[in-house]
Amino acid sequence: MVRVGIVVASDSRSAGGGKEDGCIPALRGFLEKNGYTVVHSVIVPDDMDPLRAEIMRMVNSGAVDLVLTSGGTGVSPRDVTPEATKPLLERELPGIPEAMRAASLKKSVNAVISRGLAGMIGPVLVINLPGAPRAAVENLEAVHRAIPHIIRKAKGDTAECGQP
């Protein structure tokens, strides 16, 4: 069982101005359908300090194995999720965002502007996803089968890859 925290970066949704967030329910539905457990979700403004603080709060809680961020991976001036995430990562895993962008590119040319990152903070995997609910789920769908293996290895599993 992989325990997941979700951080949505959205100025409009964090302000409570009536805009409903679609990412948390979409991601929760996909994750639970695929055997993951969502233990915490939160919406923060598109600002580096709240993003960093929430990612580290989840990592340091010991309650999650995976932190998914959604939003802030594009090119608008307020899109700062990769910049907020990068200095926190101890080891980047470039294959994850490469796979997500490759899968997304089959559906939309706009996948080329995604700047999401992935990597490890200690034994916790962090993955930046797009902010649109459908795109977030499609990106996660492209890589989710590798996540349990990554988590096991990060926690010290010494079995050879491909072995139970």
N, C-alpha and C. Protein backbone atom coordinates (compact mmCIF):
# COMPACT_ATOMS: atom_id res chain seq x y z
N MET A 1 0.84 -1.18 0.00
CA MET A 1 0.00 0.00 0.00
C MET A 1 0.89 1.25 0.00
N VAL A 2 0.69 2.11 -0.96
CA VAL A 2 1.41 3.37 -1.06
C VAL A 2 0.50 4.47 -0.51
N ARG A 3 1.02 5.21 0.45
CA ARG A 3 0.28 6.31 1.08
C ARG A 3 0.62 7.62 0.38
N VAL A 4 -0.41 8.37 0.00
CA VAL A 4 -0.24 9.52 -0.88
C VAL A 4 -0.74 10.81 -0.23
N GLY A 5 0.02 11.88 -0.43
CA GLY A 5 -0.42 13.23 -0.13
C GLY A 5 -0.53 14.01 -1.42
N ILE A 6 -1.56 14.84 -1.54
CA ILE A 6 -1.78 15.63 -2.76
C ILE A 6 -1.74 17.11 -2.39
N VAL A 7 -0.93 17.87 -3.14
CA VAL A 7 -0.83 19.32 -2.96
C VAL A 7 -1.24 19.98 -4.27
N VAL A 8 -2.34 20.71 -4.26
CA VAL A 8 -2.79 21.44 -5.45
C VAL A 8 -2.33 22.89 -5.32
N ALA A 9 -1.63 23.38 -6.34
CA ALA A 9 -1.19 24.77 -6.39
C ALA A 9 -2.18 25.56 -7.22
N SER A 10 -2.94 26.43 -6.55
CA SER A 10 -3.94 27.22 -7.27
C SER A 10 -4.30 28.45 -6.46
N ASP A 11 -4.02 29.62 -7.02
CA ASP A 11 -4.39 30.86 -6.35
C ASP A 11 -5.90 30.95 -6.17
N SER A 12 -6.64 30.71 -7.24
CA SER A 12 -8.09 30.89 -7.20
C SER A 12 -8.77 29.88 -6.27
N ARG A 13 -8.31 28.64 -6.27
CA ARG A 13 -8.96 27.63 -5.44
C ARG A 13 -8.53 27.73 -3.98
N SER A 14 -7.32 28.18 -3.72
CA SER A 14 -6.87 28.32 -2.33
C SER A 14 -7.56 29.49 -1.65
N ALA A 15 -7.99 30.49 -2.43
CA ALA A 15 -8.65 31.66 -1.86
C ALA A 15 -10.10 31.38 -1.49
N GLY A 16 -10.63 30.25 -1.94
CA GLY A 16 -12.01 29.90 -1.60
C GLY A 16 -13.04 30.75 -2.31
N GLY A 17 -12.70 31.25 -3.47
CA GLY A 17 -13.60 32.13 -4.21
C GLY A 17 -14.71 31.41 -4.95
N GLY A 18 -15.04 30.21 -4.57
CA GLY A 18 -16.13 29.50 -5.20
C GLY A 18 -15.73 28.54 -6.29
N LYS A 19 -14.51 28.66 -6.79
CA LYS A 19 -14.06 27.72 -7.82
C LYS A 19 -13.78 26.37 -7.18
N GLU A 20 -14.41 25.36 -7.70
CA GLU A 20 -14.21 24.00 -7.19
C GLU A 20 -12.92 23.43 -7.75
N ASP A 21 -12.20 22.70 -6.92
CA ASP A 21 -11.01 22.00 -7.39
C ASP A 21 -11.43 20.66 -7.95
N GLY A 22 -10.99 20.35 -9.15
CA GLY A 22 -11.30 19.06 -9.74
C GLY A 22 -10.16 18.07 -9.63
N CYS A 23 -8.95 18.55 -9.34
CA CYS A 23 -7.79 17.66 -9.32
C CYS A 23 -7.81 16.67 -8.16
N ILE A 24 -8.15 17.15 -6.97
CA ILE A 24 -8.13 16.24 -5.82
C ILE A 24 -9.10 15.08 -6.02
N PRO A 25 -10.38 15.34 -6.37
CA PRO A 25 -11.26 14.19 -6.57
C PRO A 25 -10.85 13.29 -7.74
N ALA A 26 -10.34 13.90 -8.82
CA ALA A 26 -9.92 13.08 -9.97
C ALA A 26 -8.74 12.20 -9.61
N LEU A 27 -7.73 12.79 -8.95
CA LEU A 27 -6.56 12.00 -8.55
C LEU A 27 -6.93 10.96 -7.49
N ARG A 28 -7.74 11.36 -6.51
CA ARG A 28 -8.16 10.41 -5.47
C ARG A 28 -8.87 9.20 -6.10
N GLY A 29 -9.77 9.47 -7.02
CA GLY A 29 -10.50 8.38 -7.67
C GLY A 29 -9.56 7.43 -8.39
N PHE A 30 -8.62 7.98 -9.17
CA PHE A 30 -7.66 7.14 -9.89
C PHE A 30 -6.80 6.35 -8.92
N LEU A 31 -6.28 7.03 -7.91
CA LEU A 31 -5.37 6.38 -6.96
C LEU A 31 -6.07 5.26 -6.20
N GLU A 32 -7.24 5.53 -5.67
CA GLU A 32 -7.95 4.51 -4.90
C GLU A 32 -8.34 3.32 -5.77
N LYS A 33 -8.73 3.59 -7.00
CA LYS A 33 -9.06 2.51 -7.95
C LYS A 33 -7.85 1.60 -8.20
N ASN A 34 -6.64 2.17 -8.06
CA ASN A 34 -5.42 1.42 -8.34
C ASN A 34 -4.66 1.00 -7.08
N GLY A 35 -5.33 1.00 -5.94
CA GLY A 35 -4.76 0.43 -4.72
C GLY A 35 -3.93 1.37 -3.86
N TYR A 36 -3.92 2.65 -4.16
CA TYR A 36 -3.21 3.63 -3.35
C TYR A 36 -4.15 4.17 -2.27
N THR A 37 -3.60 4.73 -1.21
CA THR A 37 -4.38 5.34 -0.16
C THR A 37 -4.03 6.82 -0.04
N VAL A 38 -4.99 7.69 -0.25
CA VAL A 38 -4.77 9.13 -0.10
C VAL A 38 -4.99 9.47 1.36
N VAL A 39 -3.92 9.94 2.03
CA VAL A 39 -4.01 10.24 3.45
C VAL A 39 -4.17 11.74 3.73
N HIS A 40 -3.83 12.57 2.77
CA HIS A 40 -3.96 14.01 2.99
C HIS A 40 -4.01 14.73 1.65
N SER A 41 -4.81 15.79 1.59
CA SER A 41 -4.83 16.65 0.41
C SER A 41 -5.05 18.08 0.87
N VAL A 42 -4.46 19.00 0.11
CA VAL A 42 -4.52 20.42 0.48
C VAL A 42 -4.37 21.27 -0.77
N ILE A 43 -4.94 22.47 -0.72
CA ILE A 43 -4.80 23.44 -1.80
C ILE A 43 -4.03 24.63 -1.24
N VAL A 44 -2.97 25.03 -1.93
CA VAL A 44 -2.16 26.17 -1.51
C VAL A 44 -2.04 27.16 -2.67
N PRO A 45 -1.68 28.41 -2.38
CA PRO A 45 -1.48 29.38 -3.47
C PRO A 45 -0.28 29.00 -4.33
N ASP A 46 -0.26 29.56 -5.54
CA ASP A 46 0.87 29.38 -6.46
C ASP A 46 2.04 30.24 -5.99
N ASP A 47 2.61 29.90 -4.87
CA ASP A 47 3.77 30.61 -4.32
C ASP A 47 4.77 29.58 -3.82
N MET A 48 6.04 29.89 -3.99
CA MET A 48 7.08 28.93 -3.61
C MET A 48 7.05 28.56 -2.14
N ASP A 49 6.92 29.53 -1.25
CA ASP A 49 7.00 29.22 0.18
C ASP A 49 5.89 28.27 0.65
N PRO A 50 4.60 28.54 0.32
CA PRO A 50 3.57 27.59 0.74
C PRO A 50 3.73 26.21 0.10
N LEU A 51 4.14 26.18 -1.17
CA LEU A 51 4.36 24.88 -1.83
C LEU A 51 5.46 24.10 -1.12
N ARG A 52 6.60 24.73 -0.91
CA ARG A 52 7.72 24.06 -0.24
C ARG A 52 7.33 23.61 1.17
N ALA A 53 6.66 24.49 1.89
CA ALA A 53 6.27 24.17 3.26
C ALA A 53 5.35 22.96 3.30
N GLU A 54 4.39 22.90 2.40
CA GLU A 54 3.44 21.78 2.42
C GLU A 54 4.08 20.48 1.97
N ILE A 55 4.92 20.54 0.95
CA ILE A 55 5.64 19.33 0.52
C ILE A 55 6.48 18.80 1.68
N MET A 56 7.23 19.67 2.33
CA MET A 56 8.09 19.22 3.43
C MET A 56 7.29 18.78 4.65
N ARG A 57 6.15 19.42 4.90
CA ARG A 57 5.30 18.98 6.01
C ARG A 57 4.85 17.54 5.78
N MET A 58 4.44 17.25 4.56
CA MET A 58 4.01 15.88 4.25
C MET A 58 5.17 14.90 4.34
N VAL A 59 6.32 15.27 3.76
CA VAL A 59 7.50 14.40 3.81
C VAL A 59 7.90 14.13 5.25
N ASN A 60 7.98 15.17 6.06
CA ASN A 60 8.44 15.03 7.44
C ASN A 60 7.44 14.37 8.36
N SER A 61 6.17 14.30 7.94
CA SER A 61 5.14 13.68 8.78
C SER A 61 5.35 12.18 8.93
N GLY A 62 6.02 11.58 7.95
CA GLY A 62 6.17 10.13 7.96
C GLY A 62 4.89 9.40 7.56
N ALA A 63 3.86 10.15 7.19
CA ALA A 63 2.57 9.56 6.87
C ALA A 63 2.39 9.24 5.39
N VAL A 64 3.33 9.70 4.54
CA VAL A 64 3.18 9.50 3.09
C VAL A 64 4.44 8.89 2.50
N ASP A 65 4.24 8.14 1.44
CA ASP A 65 5.32 7.59 0.64
C ASP A 65 5.49 8.36 -0.67
N LEU A 66 4.42 9.05 -1.05
CA LEU A 66 4.36 9.75 -2.33
C LEU A 66 3.66 11.08 -2.13
N VAL A 67 4.27 12.16 -2.64
CA VAL A 67 3.62 13.46 -2.67
C VAL A 67 3.41 13.82 -4.13
N LEU A 68 2.15 14.06 -4.48
CA LEU A 68 1.81 14.51 -5.82
C LEU A 68 1.44 15.98 -5.74
N THR A 69 2.08 16.80 -6.56
CA THR A 69 1.64 18.18 -6.69
C THR A 69 0.88 18.28 -8.00
N SER A 70 -0.10 19.17 -8.03
CA SER A 70 -0.87 19.38 -9.25
C SER A 70 -0.99 20.88 -9.47
N GLY A 71 -0.58 21.31 -10.66
CA GLY A 71 -0.66 22.72 -11.01
C GLY A 71 0.68 23.40 -10.93
N GLY A 72 0.77 24.51 -11.62
CA GLY A 72 1.96 25.35 -11.58
C GLY A 72 3.14 24.83 -12.37
N THR A 73 2.89 23.96 -13.36
CA THR A 73 4.00 23.39 -14.13
C THR A 73 4.12 23.98 -15.53
N GLY A 74 3.30 24.97 -15.84
CA GLY A 74 3.32 25.57 -17.17
C GLY A 74 4.27 26.76 -17.25
N VAL A 75 3.93 27.72 -18.08
CA VAL A 75 4.83 28.85 -18.32
C VAL A 75 4.25 30.20 -17.92
N SER A 76 3.12 30.22 -17.26
CA SER A 76 2.60 31.52 -16.82
C SER A 76 3.48 32.06 -15.69
N PRO A 77 3.45 33.37 -15.48
CA PRO A 77 4.32 33.95 -14.44
C PRO A 77 4.12 33.35 -13.05
N ARG A 78 2.93 32.85 -12.73
CA ARG A 78 2.64 32.29 -11.42
C ARG A 78 2.95 30.79 -11.33
N ASP A 79 3.36 30.16 -12.41
CA ASP A 79 3.68 28.73 -12.41
C ASP A 79 5.07 28.52 -11.85
N VAL A 80 5.15 28.16 -10.56
CA VAL A 80 6.45 28.05 -9.88
C VAL A 80 6.66 26.69 -9.22
N THR A 81 5.79 25.73 -9.48
CA THR A 81 5.92 24.44 -8.79
C THR A 81 7.27 23.76 -9.03
N PRO A 82 7.79 23.70 -10.26
CA PRO A 82 9.11 23.08 -10.43
C PRO A 82 10.21 23.82 -9.67
N GLU A 83 10.14 25.15 -9.67
CA GLU A 83 11.14 25.92 -8.95
C GLU A 83 11.04 25.71 -7.44
N ALA A 84 9.82 25.53 -6.95
CA ALA A 84 9.62 25.26 -5.53
C ALA A 84 10.11 23.86 -5.16
N THR A 85 9.93 22.91 -6.07
CA THR A 85 10.26 21.52 -5.80
C THR A 85 11.75 21.21 -5.94
N LYS A 86 12.37 21.74 -6.96
CA LYS A 86 13.75 21.35 -7.30
C LYS A 86 14.74 21.42 -6.14
N PRO A 87 14.80 22.51 -5.37
CA PRO A 87 15.80 22.54 -4.30
C PRO A 87 15.52 21.55 -3.17
N LEU A 88 14.32 21.04 -3.10
CA LEU A 88 13.97 20.07 -2.05
C LEU A 88 14.43 18.65 -2.41
N LEU A 89 14.53 18.37 -3.71
CA LEU A 89 14.84 17.01 -4.16
C LEU A 89 16.29 16.65 -3.87
N GLU A 90 16.47 15.48 -3.28
CA GLU A 90 17.81 14.97 -3.02
C GLU A 90 18.35 14.22 -4.24
N ARG A 91 17.42 13.57 -4.97
CA ARG A 91 17.78 12.85 -6.19
C ARG A 91 16.64 13.02 -7.19
N GLU A 92 16.95 13.58 -8.35
CA GLU A 92 15.93 13.71 -9.39
C GLU A 92 15.75 12.38 -10.11
N LEU A 93 14.55 12.14 -10.57
CA LEU A 93 14.22 10.97 -11.38
C LEU A 93 13.65 11.48 -12.70
N PRO A 94 14.51 11.84 -13.64
CA PRO A 94 14.04 12.46 -14.88
C PRO A 94 13.20 11.54 -15.76
N GLY A 95 13.31 10.25 -15.59
CA GLY A 95 12.53 9.33 -16.41
C GLY A 95 11.03 9.46 -16.17
N ILE A 96 10.63 9.86 -14.97
CA ILE A 96 9.20 9.99 -14.68
C ILE A 96 8.58 11.12 -15.49
N PRO A 97 9.09 12.37 -15.40
CA PRO A 97 8.48 13.41 -16.23
C PRO A 97 8.67 13.19 -17.72
N GLU A 98 9.77 12.54 -18.11
CA GLU A 98 9.95 12.23 -19.53
C GLU A 98 8.84 11.31 -20.02
N ALA A 99 8.54 10.28 -19.24
CA ALA A 99 7.48 9.33 -19.62
C ALA A 99 6.11 10.02 -19.63
N MET A 100 5.88 10.89 -18.64
CA MET A 100 4.59 11.58 -18.59
C MET A 100 4.42 12.50 -19.80
N ARG A 101 5.46 13.25 -20.13
CA ARG A 101 5.36 14.15 -21.28
C ARG A 101 5.20 13.37 -22.59
N ALA A 102 5.89 12.24 -22.72
CA ALA A 102 5.76 11.43 -23.93
C ALA A 102 4.34 10.91 -24.08
N ALA A 103 3.74 10.46 -22.98
CA ALA A 103 2.37 9.97 -23.03
C ALA A 103 1.41 11.11 -23.34
N SER A 104 1.62 12.26 -22.72
CA SER A 104 0.74 13.41 -22.94
C SER A 104 0.83 13.96 -24.34
N LEU A 105 2.02 13.90 -24.90
CA LEU A 105 2.21 14.44 -26.25
C LEU A 105 1.36 13.70 -27.27
N LYS A 106 1.01 12.45 -27.00
CA LYS A 106 0.14 11.69 -27.90
C LYS A 106 -1.28 12.25 -27.90
N LYS A 107 -1.62 13.04 -26.85
CA LYS A 107 -2.98 13.57 -26.73
C LYS A 107 -3.06 15.06 -26.99
N SER A 108 -1.96 15.79 -26.71
CA SER A 108 -1.99 17.24 -26.88
C SER A 108 -0.59 17.79 -27.12
N VAL A 109 -0.47 18.66 -28.10
CA VAL A 109 0.80 19.30 -28.38
C VAL A 109 1.23 20.18 -27.20
N ASN A 110 0.27 20.60 -26.37
CA ASN A 110 0.59 21.44 -25.22
C ASN A 110 1.42 20.72 -24.16
N ALA A 111 1.58 19.42 -24.28
CA ALA A 111 2.42 18.67 -23.34
C ALA A 111 3.87 19.17 -23.37
N VAL A 112 4.26 19.78 -24.47
CA VAL A 112 5.65 20.25 -24.57
C VAL A 112 5.98 21.38 -23.60
N ILE A 113 4.96 22.04 -23.06
CA ILE A 113 5.24 23.14 -22.12
C ILE A 113 5.26 22.68 -20.67
N SER A 114 4.99 21.42 -20.40
CA SER A 114 5.01 20.93 -19.03
C SER A 114 6.45 20.91 -18.51
N ARG A 115 6.66 21.51 -17.34
CA ARG A 115 7.98 21.59 -16.75
C ARG A 115 8.09 20.77 -15.48
N GLY A 116 7.15 19.86 -15.25
CA GLY A 116 7.13 19.09 -14.02
C GLY A 116 8.39 18.28 -13.79
N LEU A 117 8.69 18.09 -12.52
CA LEU A 117 9.86 17.32 -12.08
C LEU A 117 9.41 16.14 -11.24
N ALA A 118 10.33 15.24 -10.97
CA ALA A 118 10.09 14.13 -10.04
C ALA A 118 11.41 13.79 -9.38
N GLY A 119 11.32 13.31 -8.16
CA GLY A 119 12.53 12.90 -7.46
C GLY A 119 12.23 12.48 -6.03
N MET A 120 13.31 12.21 -5.32
CA MET A 120 13.21 11.69 -3.96
C MET A 120 13.62 12.74 -2.94
N ILE A 121 12.88 12.77 -1.85
CA ILE A 121 13.28 13.47 -0.63
C ILE A 121 13.32 12.37 0.42
N GLY A 122 14.53 11.90 0.72
CA GLY A 122 14.63 10.71 1.57
C GLY A 122 13.93 9.57 0.86
N PRO A 123 13.07 8.83 1.60
CA PRO A 123 12.36 7.72 0.97
C PRO A 123 11.04 8.10 0.32
N VAL A 124 10.74 9.41 0.26
CA VAL A 124 9.46 9.88 -0.28
C VAL A 124 9.64 10.34 -1.72
N LEU A 125 8.80 9.83 -2.59
CA LEU A 125 8.78 10.22 -4.00
C LEU A 125 7.88 11.44 -4.17
N VAL A 126 8.36 12.43 -4.92
CA VAL A 126 7.59 13.63 -5.21
C VAL A 126 7.46 13.74 -6.73
N ILE A 127 6.23 13.95 -7.19
CA ILE A 127 5.98 14.07 -8.63
C ILE A 127 5.11 15.30 -8.86
N ASN A 128 5.56 16.19 -9.77
CA ASN A 128 4.76 17.34 -10.20
C ASN A 128 3.87 16.92 -11.36
N LEU A 129 2.57 17.16 -11.22
CA LEU A 129 1.60 16.87 -12.26
C LEU A 129 0.99 18.17 -12.78
N PRO A 130 0.41 18.14 -13.98
CA PRO A 130 -0.28 19.33 -14.49
C PRO A 130 -1.49 19.68 -13.62
N GLY A 131 -2.03 20.88 -13.83
CA GLY A 131 -3.15 21.35 -13.02
C GLY A 131 -4.52 20.99 -13.53
N ALA A 132 -4.65 20.60 -14.78
CA ALA A 132 -5.95 20.18 -15.30
C ALA A 132 -6.24 18.75 -14.81
N PRO A 133 -7.43 18.51 -14.25
CA PRO A 133 -7.71 17.18 -13.70
C PRO A 133 -7.45 16.03 -14.68
N ARG A 134 -7.94 16.15 -15.90
CA ARG A 134 -7.75 15.07 -16.87
C ARG A 134 -6.27 14.86 -17.17
N ALA A 135 -5.53 15.95 -17.36
CA ALA A 135 -4.10 15.84 -17.66
C ALA A 135 -3.33 15.28 -16.46
N ALA A 136 -3.71 15.66 -15.25
CA ALA A 136 -3.04 15.13 -14.05
C ALA A 136 -3.21 13.62 -13.97
N VAL A 137 -4.41 13.14 -14.20
CA VAL A 137 -4.66 11.70 -14.14
C VAL A 137 -3.96 10.99 -15.29
N GLU A 138 -4.01 11.54 -16.50
CA GLU A 138 -3.34 10.92 -17.64
C GLU A 138 -1.83 10.81 -17.41
N ASN A 139 -1.24 11.85 -16.83
CA ASN A 139 0.20 11.82 -16.54
C ASN A 139 0.51 10.76 -15.49
N LEU A 140 -0.27 10.72 -14.44
CA LEU A 140 -0.06 9.72 -13.39
C LEU A 140 -0.27 8.31 -13.93
N GLU A 141 -1.26 8.16 -14.79
CA GLU A 141 -1.52 6.85 -15.39
C GLU A 141 -0.31 6.32 -16.15
N ALA A 142 0.46 7.22 -16.74
CA ALA A 142 1.62 6.82 -17.54
C ALA A 142 2.74 6.22 -16.69
N VAL A 143 2.77 6.54 -15.39
CA VAL A 143 3.91 6.11 -14.56
C VAL A 143 3.53 5.36 -13.29
N HIS A 144 2.26 5.29 -12.95
CA HIS A 144 1.88 4.79 -11.63
C HIS A 144 2.31 3.36 -11.35
N ARG A 145 2.44 2.53 -12.37
CA ARG A 145 2.83 1.13 -12.10
C ARG A 145 4.26 1.01 -11.59
N ALA A 146 5.10 2.01 -11.85
CA ALA A 146 6.48 1.99 -11.36
C ALA A 146 6.60 2.50 -9.92
N ILE A 147 5.60 3.19 -9.44
CA ILE A 147 5.69 3.85 -8.13
C ILE A 147 5.92 2.88 -6.97
N PRO A 148 5.17 1.79 -6.84
CA PRO A 148 5.44 0.89 -5.71
C PRO A 148 6.88 0.36 -5.70
N HIS A 149 7.42 0.07 -6.87
CA HIS A 149 8.81 -0.40 -6.96
C HIS A 149 9.77 0.70 -6.50
N ILE A 150 9.54 1.91 -6.94
CA ILE A 150 10.40 3.03 -6.54
C ILE A 150 10.37 3.19 -5.02
N ILE A 151 9.19 3.14 -4.44
CA ILE A 151 9.04 3.31 -2.99
C ILE A 151 9.77 2.18 -2.24
N ARG A 152 9.58 0.95 -2.69
CA ARG A 152 10.28 -0.18 -2.03
C ARG A 152 11.79 0.01 -2.08
N LYS A 153 12.32 0.37 -3.24
CA LYS A 153 13.76 0.57 -3.38
C LYS A 153 14.24 1.73 -2.50
N ALA A 154 13.48 2.81 -2.45
CA ALA A 154 13.87 3.96 -1.64
C ALA A 154 13.90 3.63 -0.15
N LYS A 155 13.09 2.65 0.23
CA LYS A 155 13.06 2.23 1.64
C LYS A 155 14.07 1.14 1.95
N GLY A 156 14.89 0.78 0.94
CA GLY A 156 15.99 -0.15 1.21
C GLY A 156 15.80 -1.56 0.72
N ASP A 157 14.78 -1.84 -0.07
CA ASP A 157 14.59 -3.18 -0.61
C ASP A 157 15.81 -3.59 -1.43
N THR A 158 16.38 -4.73 -1.12
CA THR A 158 17.60 -5.19 -1.80
C THR A 158 17.34 -6.26 -2.84
N ALA A 159 16.07 -6.64 -3.03
CA ALA A 159 15.77 -7.65 -4.05
C ALA A 159 16.15 -7.11 -5.43
N GLU A 160 16.57 -8.01 -6.30
CA GLU A 160 16.90 -7.59 -7.66
C GLU A 160 15.66 -7.08 -8.35
N CYS A 161 15.84 -6.09 -9.21
CA CYS A 161 14.71 -5.56 -9.96
C CYS A 161 14.07 -6.67 -10.77
N GLY A 162 12.75 -6.66 -10.80
CA GLY A 162 12.02 -7.69 -11.54
C GLY A 162 11.74 -8.93 -10.71
N GLN A 163 12.25 -8.97 -9.49
CA GLN A 163 12.00 -10.11 -8.61
C GLN A 163 10.95 -9.73 -7.58
N PRO A 164 10.14 -10.67 -7.13
CA PRO A 164 9.10 -10.35 -6.11
C PRO A 164 9.72 -9.99 -4.79
